[in-house]
Protein backbone atom coordinates (compact mmCIF):
# COMPACT_ATOMS: atom_id res chain seq x y z
CA MET A 1 15.78 1.81 18.46
CA ARG A 2 12.40 0.22 18.65
CA HIS A 3 9.89 1.90 16.42
CA VAL A 4 6.23 2.61 17.11
CA VAL A 5 3.52 3.02 14.49
CA VAL A 6 0.24 4.36 15.83
CA CYS A 7 -2.82 3.36 13.83
CA ALA A 8 -6.48 3.87 14.46
CA GLY A 9 -9.07 1.87 12.68
CA LEU A 10 -12.00 2.90 10.65
CA GLY A 11 -12.69 6.56 9.84
CA ILE A 12 -16.13 7.62 11.01
CA LEU A 13 -19.05 8.18 8.70
CA LEU A 14 -21.86 7.20 11.06
CA ALA A 15 -20.36 6.60 14.48
CA GLY A 16 -23.14 5.47 16.74
CA ALA A 17 -20.66 4.36 19.36
CA ALA A 18 -17.80 6.70 18.55
CA GLN A 19 -16.18 8.89 21.14
CA ALA A 20 -14.54 12.28 20.72
CA VAL A 21 -10.79 12.27 20.38
CA GLY A 22 -8.93 13.68 23.34
CA ARG A 23 -5.28 14.06 24.22
CA SER A 24 -3.10 10.99 24.03
CA GLN A 25 0.36 10.12 25.21
CA LEU A 26 2.51 8.59 22.52
CA CYS A 27 6.22 8.52 21.97
CA PRO A 28 9.03 6.34 20.69
CA LYS A 29 10.33 3.41 22.63
CA PRO A 30 13.45 4.13 24.69
CA GLU A 31 16.80 4.16 22.97
CA GLY A 32 18.95 1.10 23.35
CA SER A 33 16.13 -1.42 23.58
CA GLY A 34 17.97 -3.44 20.97
CA THR A 35 16.83 -6.30 18.80
CA HIS A 36 16.01 -9.87 19.67
CA SER A 37 17.31 -13.07 18.19
CA ARG A 38 14.39 -15.28 17.20
CA PRO A 39 13.43 -17.82 14.53
CA ARG A 40 12.54 -16.21 11.24
CA PRO A 41 8.83 -16.24 10.47
CA PRO A 42 7.84 -17.91 7.19
CA VAL A 43 8.05 -15.76 4.08
CA ALA A 44 4.77 -15.31 2.24
CA PRO A 45 4.90 -16.34 -1.45
CA SER A 46 3.91 -12.82 -2.48
CA LEU A 47 7.10 -11.45 -0.90
CA VAL A 48 8.96 -11.78 -4.18
CA LEU A 49 6.25 -9.83 -5.94
CA TYR A 50 6.42 -6.79 -3.72
CA HIS A 51 9.85 -6.66 -2.06
CA ASN A 52 13.06 -7.91 -3.58
CA PHE A 53 15.20 -8.44 -0.50
CA SER A 54 16.56 -11.29 1.62
CA TRP A 55 16.11 -11.92 5.32
CA GLU A 56 19.71 -10.88 5.84
CA GLU A 57 18.82 -7.40 4.60
CA LEU A 58 15.97 -7.03 7.07
CA LEU A 59 16.80 -4.95 10.14
CA VAL A 60 13.30 -5.48 11.60
CA ARG A 61 11.42 -8.76 11.36
CA VAL A 62 8.57 -8.66 13.88
CA VAL A 63 5.76 -6.15 14.25
CA SER A 64 3.27 -6.03 17.11
CA ILE A 65 -0.16 -4.69 16.18
CA ARG A 66 -2.59 -3.60 18.89
CA GLY A 67 -6.16 -3.09 17.71
CA GLY A 68 -8.52 -4.55 15.20
CA GLY A 69 -9.79 -1.71 13.00
CA ILE A 70 -9.37 -1.22 9.27
CA ALA A 71 -5.91 0.37 9.45
CA ALA A 72 -4.57 -2.31 11.80
CA CYS A 73 -6.01 -5.14 9.70
CA CYS A 74 -4.53 -3.71 6.50
CA CYS A 75 -1.12 -3.20 8.11
CA SER A 76 -1.16 -6.77 9.43
CA HIS A 77 -2.02 -8.19 6.03
CA LEU A 78 0.54 -6.13 4.13
CA LEU A 79 3.37 -6.81 6.56
CA ARG A 80 2.70 -10.55 6.70
CA ARG A 81 2.58 -10.63 2.92
CA ALA A 82 5.96 -8.87 2.89
CA GLY A 83 7.40 -11.59 5.13
CA PHE A 84 7.25 -9.94 8.55
CA GLY A 85 6.17 -11.78 11.62
CA VAL A 86 3.13 -10.04 13.11
CA ALA A 87 1.87 -10.35 16.67
CA ASP A 88 -1.78 -9.26 16.74
CA ASP A 89 -3.30 -7.95 19.95
CA LYS A 90 -6.91 -7.20 19.04
CA LEU A 91 -8.61 -4.79 21.42
CA ASP A 92 -12.38 -4.87 21.87
CA ARG A 93 -14.24 -1.64 21.17
CA PRO A 94 -17.73 -0.75 19.94
CA LYS A 95 -18.04 -1.15 16.18
CA LEU A 96 -19.55 1.45 13.89
CA PRO A 97 -23.11 0.55 12.85
CA ALA A 98 -22.78 1.79 9.26
CA VAL A 99 -19.94 2.76 6.97
CA MET A 100 -20.29 4.02 3.42
CA LEU A 101 -17.46 2.99 1.10
CA SER A 102 -16.87 4.89 -2.12
CA GLU A 103 -16.16 3.07 -5.35
CA THR A 104 -12.48 4.00 -5.09
CA SER A 105 -12.20 2.60 -1.56
CA GLN A 106 -13.93 -0.60 -2.62
CA LYS A 107 -11.42 -1.15 -5.42
CA LEU A 108 -8.52 -0.33 -3.12
CA LEU A 109 -9.60 -2.96 -0.59
CA GLN A 110 -10.29 -5.50 -3.33
CA ASP A 111 -6.78 -4.97 -4.74
CA LEU A 112 -5.15 -5.07 -1.33
CA PHE A 113 -6.82 -8.35 -0.33
CA GLN A 114 -6.89 -9.70 -3.89
CA GLN A 115 -10.58 -10.57 -3.71
CA ASN A 116 -13.03 -9.19 -6.29
CA LYS A 117 -16.05 -10.59 -4.42
CA LEU A 118 -15.19 -8.93 -1.12
CA PHE A 119 -18.43 -6.92 -1.09
CA ALA A 120 -20.84 -9.42 -2.64
CA GLY A 121 -24.38 -9.08 -1.32
CA VAL A 122 -23.99 -5.82 0.62
CA HIS A 123 -26.42 -2.91 0.32
CA ARG A 124 -25.67 -0.63 -2.64
CA ILE A 125 -26.21 3.10 -3.03
CA ARG A 126 -26.71 4.27 -6.62
CA ARG A 127 -28.15 7.78 -6.21
CA ARG A 128 -27.72 10.86 -4.03
CA ALA A 129 -30.54 13.30 -3.31
CA VAL A 130 -29.29 16.80 -2.50
CA LEU A 131 -31.05 19.88 -1.12
CA TRP A 132 -28.25 22.29 -0.35
CA GLY A 133 -27.92 25.98 0.31
CA GLU A 134 -30.51 28.16 -1.33
CA GLN A 135 -31.74 25.49 -3.77
CA ALA A 136 -35.49 25.63 -4.22
CA GLU A 137 -35.80 21.96 -5.12
CA ALA A 138 -33.80 18.80 -4.46
CA VAL A 139 -31.76 17.22 -7.23
CA MET A 140 -31.04 13.51 -7.69
CA LEU A 141 -27.50 12.66 -8.84
CA PRO A 142 -25.68 9.39 -9.61
CA HIS A 143 -23.70 8.09 -6.66
CA TYR A 144 -21.96 4.71 -6.43
CA ALA A 145 -21.16 3.40 -2.95
CA LEU A 146 -22.04 0.60 -0.57
CA VAL A 147 -23.18 0.50 3.05
CA VAL A 148 -21.87 -2.11 5.47
CA SER A 149 -21.47 -2.39 9.23
CA GLU A 150 -17.92 -2.20 10.51
CA ALA A 151 -18.20 -5.67 12.06
CA THR A 152 -19.21 -7.21 8.72
CA LEU A 153 -16.48 -5.34 6.86
CA LEU A 154 -13.79 -6.46 9.32
CA ASN A 155 -14.98 -10.07 9.19
CA ARG A 156 -14.77 -10.07 5.40
CA ILE A 157 -11.28 -8.61 5.12
CA GLN A 158 -9.93 -10.77 7.96
CA ALA A 159 -11.19 -13.85 6.12
CA GLU A 160 -9.02 -12.85 3.12
CA ALA A 161 -5.96 -11.72 5.09
CA VAL A 162 -2.64 -13.58 5.13
CA PRO A 163 -2.86 -15.94 8.13
CA GLY A 164 -0.42 -15.60 10.98
CA GLY A 165 0.25 -16.86 14.45
CA GLY A 166 3.02 -18.14 16.63
CA VAL A 167 4.81 -14.80 16.95
CA GLU A 168 5.50 -13.51 20.43
CA GLN A 169 4.61 -9.91 21.08
CA ASP A 170 7.48 -9.20 23.46
CA VAL A 171 10.09 -9.73 20.73
CA ALA A 172 8.57 -7.20 18.33
CA GLU A 173 10.85 -4.48 17.02
CA TRP A 174 8.00 -2.33 15.72
CA GLU A 175 4.60 -1.67 17.19
CA ILE A 176 1.43 -0.59 15.44
CA LEU A 177 -0.96 0.86 17.98
CA ALA A 178 -4.63 1.04 17.04
CA ALA A 179 -5.45 2.72 20.36
CA ARG A 180 -4.67 6.36 21.00
CA THR A 181 -3.18 5.58 24.38
CA HIS A 182 -1.43 2.54 25.73
CA PRO A 183 0.38 1.76 28.99
CA SER A 184 3.64 1.17 27.10
CA ALA A 185 3.58 4.74 25.75
CA ALA A 186 5.78 7.23 27.56
CA SER A 187 4.97 10.76 28.65
CA GLN A 188 5.51 12.83 25.50
CA PRO A 189 2.23 14.64 24.73
CA PHE A 190 0.36 13.69 21.58
CA LEU A 191 -1.77 16.73 20.76
CA GLU A 192 -4.67 17.36 18.41
CA HIS A 193 -5.39 20.47 16.35
CA ALA A 194 -9.15 20.84 15.89
CA PHE A 195 -10.60 23.11 13.23
CA GLY A 196 -14.17 23.47 14.40
CA THR A 197 -16.45 22.47 17.26
CA ARG A 198 -19.47 20.97 15.51
CA MET A 199 -20.82 17.72 16.89
CA ALA A 200 -22.90 15.06 15.20
CA SER A 201 -25.56 12.63 16.39
CA ALA A 202 -26.36 9.21 14.92
CA LEU A 203 -29.85 7.69 15.14
CA PRO A 204 -31.35 4.48 13.75
CA VAL A 205 -34.42 5.17 11.60
CA MET A 206 -37.17 3.32 9.80
CA LEU A 207 -37.88 4.36 6.21
CA LYS A 208 -41.28 4.89 4.68
CA THR A 209 -42.33 2.22 2.21
CA ASP A 210 -42.02 4.60 -0.74
CA ALA A 211 -38.57 5.93 0.25
CA ALA A 212 -35.81 5.10 -2.24
CA SER A 213 -33.49 2.75 -0.35
CA ASP A 214 -30.87 2.86 -3.11
CA ALA A 215 -30.33 6.58 -2.52
CA CYS A 216 -28.56 8.53 0.21
CA TRP A 217 -30.00 11.89 1.17
CA ILE A 218 -28.30 15.12 2.26
CA GLU A 219 -29.90 18.42 3.27
CA SER A 220 -28.61 21.71 4.67
CA GLN A 221 -30.36 23.68 7.40
CA PRO A 222 -29.61 27.15 8.86
CA GLU A 223 -27.82 25.57 11.86
CA GLY A 224 -26.41 22.37 10.42
CA TRP A 225 -27.09 19.56 7.99
CA LEU A 226 -28.67 16.10 7.79
CA PHE A 227 -27.52 12.90 6.09
CA LEU A 228 -29.75 9.83 5.66
CA LEU A 229 -28.05 6.53 4.80
CA PRO A 230 -30.27 3.48 4.17
CA SER A 231 -28.70 0.19 5.29
CA ASP A 232 -31.40 -2.01 3.75
CA GLU A 233 -34.83 -1.59 2.16
CA ARG A 234 -36.65 -0.44 5.34
CA SER A 235 -34.05 0.89 7.78
CA GLY A 236 -31.03 3.12 7.93
CA TRP A 237 -29.05 5.68 9.90
CA LEU A 238 -29.56 9.41 10.27
CA LEU A 239 -26.60 11.72 10.87
CA ALA A 240 -27.46 15.16 12.25
CA VAL A 241 -24.61 17.70 12.34
CA GLY A 242 -24.92 20.96 14.25
CA VAL A 243 -28.04 21.20 16.40
CA ARG A 244 -29.86 18.25 17.96
CA PRO A 245 -31.65 15.91 15.50
CA GLU A 246 -35.17 16.49 16.81
CA ARG A 247 -34.73 20.22 16.26
CA ILE A 248 -33.16 20.01 12.83
CA LEU A 249 -35.63 17.36 11.61
CA ALA A 250 -38.56 19.64 12.38
CA GLY A 251 -37.60 21.94 9.51
CA SER A 252 -36.55 19.24 7.04
CA ARG A 253 -38.14 19.34 3.59
CA LEU A 254 -36.15 16.48 2.03
CA ILE A 255 -35.11 13.93 4.64
CA GLY A 256 -37.94 14.25 7.16
CA PRO A 257 -40.57 12.95 4.68
CA GLN A 258 -38.49 9.77 4.06
CA ILE A 259 -38.58 8.67 7.71
CA THR A 260 -41.45 6.97 9.49
CA ALA A 261 -39.78 6.48 12.90
CA THR A 262 -36.53 7.34 14.70
CA GLY A 263 -34.81 5.37 17.45
CA SER A 264 -32.82 6.62 20.39
CA GLU A 265 -29.64 8.55 19.75
CA ALA A 266 -26.85 5.99 19.46
CA GLY A 267 -24.05 8.44 20.13
CA ARG A 268 -22.52 11.87 19.60
CA PHE A 269 -19.10 12.49 18.12
CA ALA A 270 -16.88 15.21 16.78
CA SER A 271 -17.50 15.93 13.09
CA TYR A 272 -14.93 18.69 12.60
CA PRO A 273 -11.57 18.08 10.87
CA ARG A 274 -8.64 17.44 13.20
CA ILE A 275 -5.02 16.42 12.94
CA ALA A 276 -2.51 15.07 15.43
CA GLU A 277 0.80 16.69 16.28
CA PRO A 278 3.35 15.29 16.03
CA LEU A 279 2.32 12.95 13.25
CA CYS A 280 5.60 11.08 13.24
CA ALA A 281 9.25 11.06 14.21
CA PRO A 282 12.09 8.58 13.80
CA GLY A 283 10.60 5.66 15.71
CA TRP A 284 6.84 6.03 15.32
CA LEU A 285 4.05 7.03 12.97
CA ALA A 286 0.42 7.98 13.53
CA CYS A 287 -2.00 6.37 11.10
CA GLY A 288 -5.74 6.20 10.47
CA SER A 289 -8.02 8.19 12.73
CA ALA A 290 -5.26 8.52 15.35
CA ALA A 291 -3.58 10.83 12.84
CA LEU A 292 -6.46 12.53 11.04
CA GLY A 293 -10.16 13.08 11.71
CA PHE A 294 -12.42 13.96 8.79
CA ASP A 295 -15.68 15.82 8.38
CA PRO A 296 -18.21 13.15 7.32
CA LEU A 297 -19.67 15.60 4.80
CA CYS A 298 -16.85 14.84 2.35
CA GLY A 299 -14.52 12.48 4.15
CA ASP A 300 -14.06 8.81 3.22
CA GLY A 301 -12.63 7.77 6.58
CA ALA A 302 -12.31 4.08 5.72
CA GLY A 303 -10.52 4.89 2.47
CA HIS A 304 -8.11 7.22 4.23
CA ALA A 305 -7.40 4.55 6.87
CA VAL A 306 -6.51 2.07 4.12
CA ARG A 307 -4.23 4.51 2.29
CA GLU A 308 -2.42 5.50 5.46
CA ALA A 309 -1.96 1.82 6.37
CA ILE A 310 -0.42 1.18 2.95
CA LEU A 311 1.95 4.11 3.34
CA GLY A 312 2.81 3.28 6.97
CA SER A 313 3.54 -0.35 6.11
CA ALA A 314 5.67 0.76 3.18
CA VAL A 315 7.67 3.02 5.50
CA ILE A 316 8.39 0.05 7.80
CA CYS A 317 9.46 -2.08 4.85
CA ALA A 318 11.70 0.66 3.45
CA ALA A 319 13.27 1.30 6.87
CA SER A 320 13.89 -2.42 7.34
CA GLN A 321 15.85 -2.44 4.10
CA GLY A 322 18.17 0.25 5.41
CA GLY A 323 16.30 3.32 4.19
CA ASP A 324 16.89 6.66 5.89
CA VAL A 325 14.30 6.72 8.67
CA LYS A 326 14.29 10.51 9.09
CA SER A 327 13.72 11.00 5.39
CA LEU A 328 10.99 8.35 5.34
CA VAL A 329 9.00 9.81 8.24
CA ALA A 330 9.38 13.34 6.84
CA HIS A 331 7.83 12.11 3.59
CA TYR A 332 5.06 10.37 5.53
CA GLU A 333 4.20 13.54 7.45
CA ALA A 334 4.21 15.66 4.29
CA ARG A 335 1.84 13.23 2.57
CA LEU A 336 -0.61 13.19 5.48
CA VAL A 337 -0.63 16.97 5.90
CA ALA A 338 -1.12 17.42 2.13
CA GLY A 339 -4.02 14.96 2.17
CA PHE A 340 -5.57 16.72 5.13
CA ARG A 341 -5.27 20.06 3.33
CA ARG A 342 -7.08 18.63 0.29
CA HIS A 343 -9.86 17.48 2.57
CA LEU A 344 -10.18 20.97 4.07
CA GLU A 345 -10.31 22.54 0.61
CA VAL A 346 -13.15 20.24 -0.45
CA CYS A 347 -14.99 20.89 2.83
CA ARG A 348 -14.73 24.64 2.33
CA GLN A 349 -16.31 24.36 -1.12
CA PHE A 350 -19.30 22.49 0.31
CA TYR A 351 -19.76 24.81 3.28
CA GLU A 352 -19.51 27.88 1.07
CA ALA A 353 -22.18 26.38 -1.21
CA GLY A 354 -24.47 25.66 1.76
CA ARG A 355 -23.86 28.99 3.48
CA CYS A 356 -27.07 30.41 4.90
CA GLY A 357 -26.28 32.11 8.19
CA PRO A 358 -23.83 32.62 11.08
CA TRP A 359 -23.40 28.90 11.80
CA TRP A 360 -22.03 28.34 8.29
CA ASP A 361 -19.82 31.42 8.48
CA GLN A 362 -18.15 29.97 11.58
CA GLN A 363 -17.48 26.61 9.89
CA ILE A 364 -15.84 28.38 6.94
CA ALA A 365 -13.68 30.46 9.28
CA ASP A 366 -12.53 27.30 11.08
CA LEU A 367 -11.68 25.64 7.77
CA ASN A 368 -9.67 28.68 6.67
CA ARG A 369 -7.74 28.46 9.94
CA GLY A 370 -6.97 24.81 9.21
CA LEU A 371 -5.81 25.59 5.68
CA GLU A 372 -3.43 28.22 7.02
CA TRP A 373 -2.04 25.73 9.54
CA CYS A 374 -1.44 23.17 6.79
CA SER A 375 0.26 25.74 4.56
CA GLN A 376 2.64 26.68 7.35
CA ARG A 377 3.51 23.05 8.01
CA LEU A 378 4.07 22.23 4.35
CA ALA A 379 6.22 25.32 3.88
CA ARG A 380 8.68 23.78 6.37
CA SER A 381 8.50 20.34 4.74
CA PRO A 382 11.34 19.00 2.58
CA GLY A 383 8.72 17.80 0.09
CA PHE A 384 7.87 14.37 -1.27
CA ARG A 385 11.00 12.25 -1.46
CA TYR A 386 9.39 8.90 -2.26
CA ARG A 387 6.52 7.48 -4.24
CA LEU A 388 4.49 4.31 -3.94
CA ASN A 389 5.06 1.66 -6.56
CA GLY A 390 2.34 -0.84 -5.81
CA PHE A 391 2.64 -1.29 -2.06
CA ALA A 392 6.32 -0.37 -1.76
CA LEU A 393 8.08 2.99 -1.52
CA GLU A 394 10.80 3.96 -3.92
CA PRO A 395 12.93 7.15 -3.92
CA VAL A 396 12.01 9.90 -6.33
CA ARG A 397 14.98 10.42 -8.63
């Protein structure tokens, strides 16, 4: 059987050009497609560090990756480092204007690409100003993150990735799809469960000269919330969730006074949590934002994309060594659903703290519905059968 791994790139924090997720058509490749005899691609030196197996033990040697987002780039790097041949098919799409990476996500990417200076010179966030719920005054809290455009981030990690080339796509035994649909996909429906309806708008803004550019700013309103993310000393991006930005800015006590001018709306996108079904089956896996969509209030989309790429790549490696594919994909699904449930739990805490009217009550109700869905799915799950040791999966004894 050919296997398909579906990956989407960067999770959205500020998605000026992002589009809402719709229905997709994804399914495994037809049975009996067989394998192909081909020259073995060169083995990366780090292969012996991460996977102790010979080429004779490999059932799958070539992976085709369509797309060029974070998840796809991480999968390509990890699989090449493990000795797989990778055929990259990078698809053009609008890049996100600004992404905020937490300290944990920074360290994860630095470890994955083995480069401590990966983020040298980018804009740093060191504080977070919060006016939330029924607070009378804003509070300033420590917050350690960085802000970078998606294009810059991708250029930096691609410069550190294991080089490849010379692998033909049509001989690939696995595919990693960074697009939610593709002509090679068959007709099985790939559905999405959405827990909310709230939309967000992204706008470029100019900051006042006395605004703190090393701080991000977040403020709740009766019908939504605002997030201001400086990208340098004088400019940044405004995320408005709920009602339109011009309406919500009019009542802003915290963020409005930091802005001297706003540009045209760069795009609107879904900001409610969502999860694909099915997430996986013997033959394919959904990864990155093709699998999960996060609320930007407390979702580190880029970090989740990296973690899912690590786990998805590890599943391919384990399957290629003769691991039980059904058991591996069941573990993968359980991990993603459990991670999604944790995200919903954190979201509910924030929305309960900001609660100040019917709009907030509806968001909490939607989150409760999502938590119930996750609990039902996990109740049917066989549990976690593997654990990551570095970048490889090993059975839990």
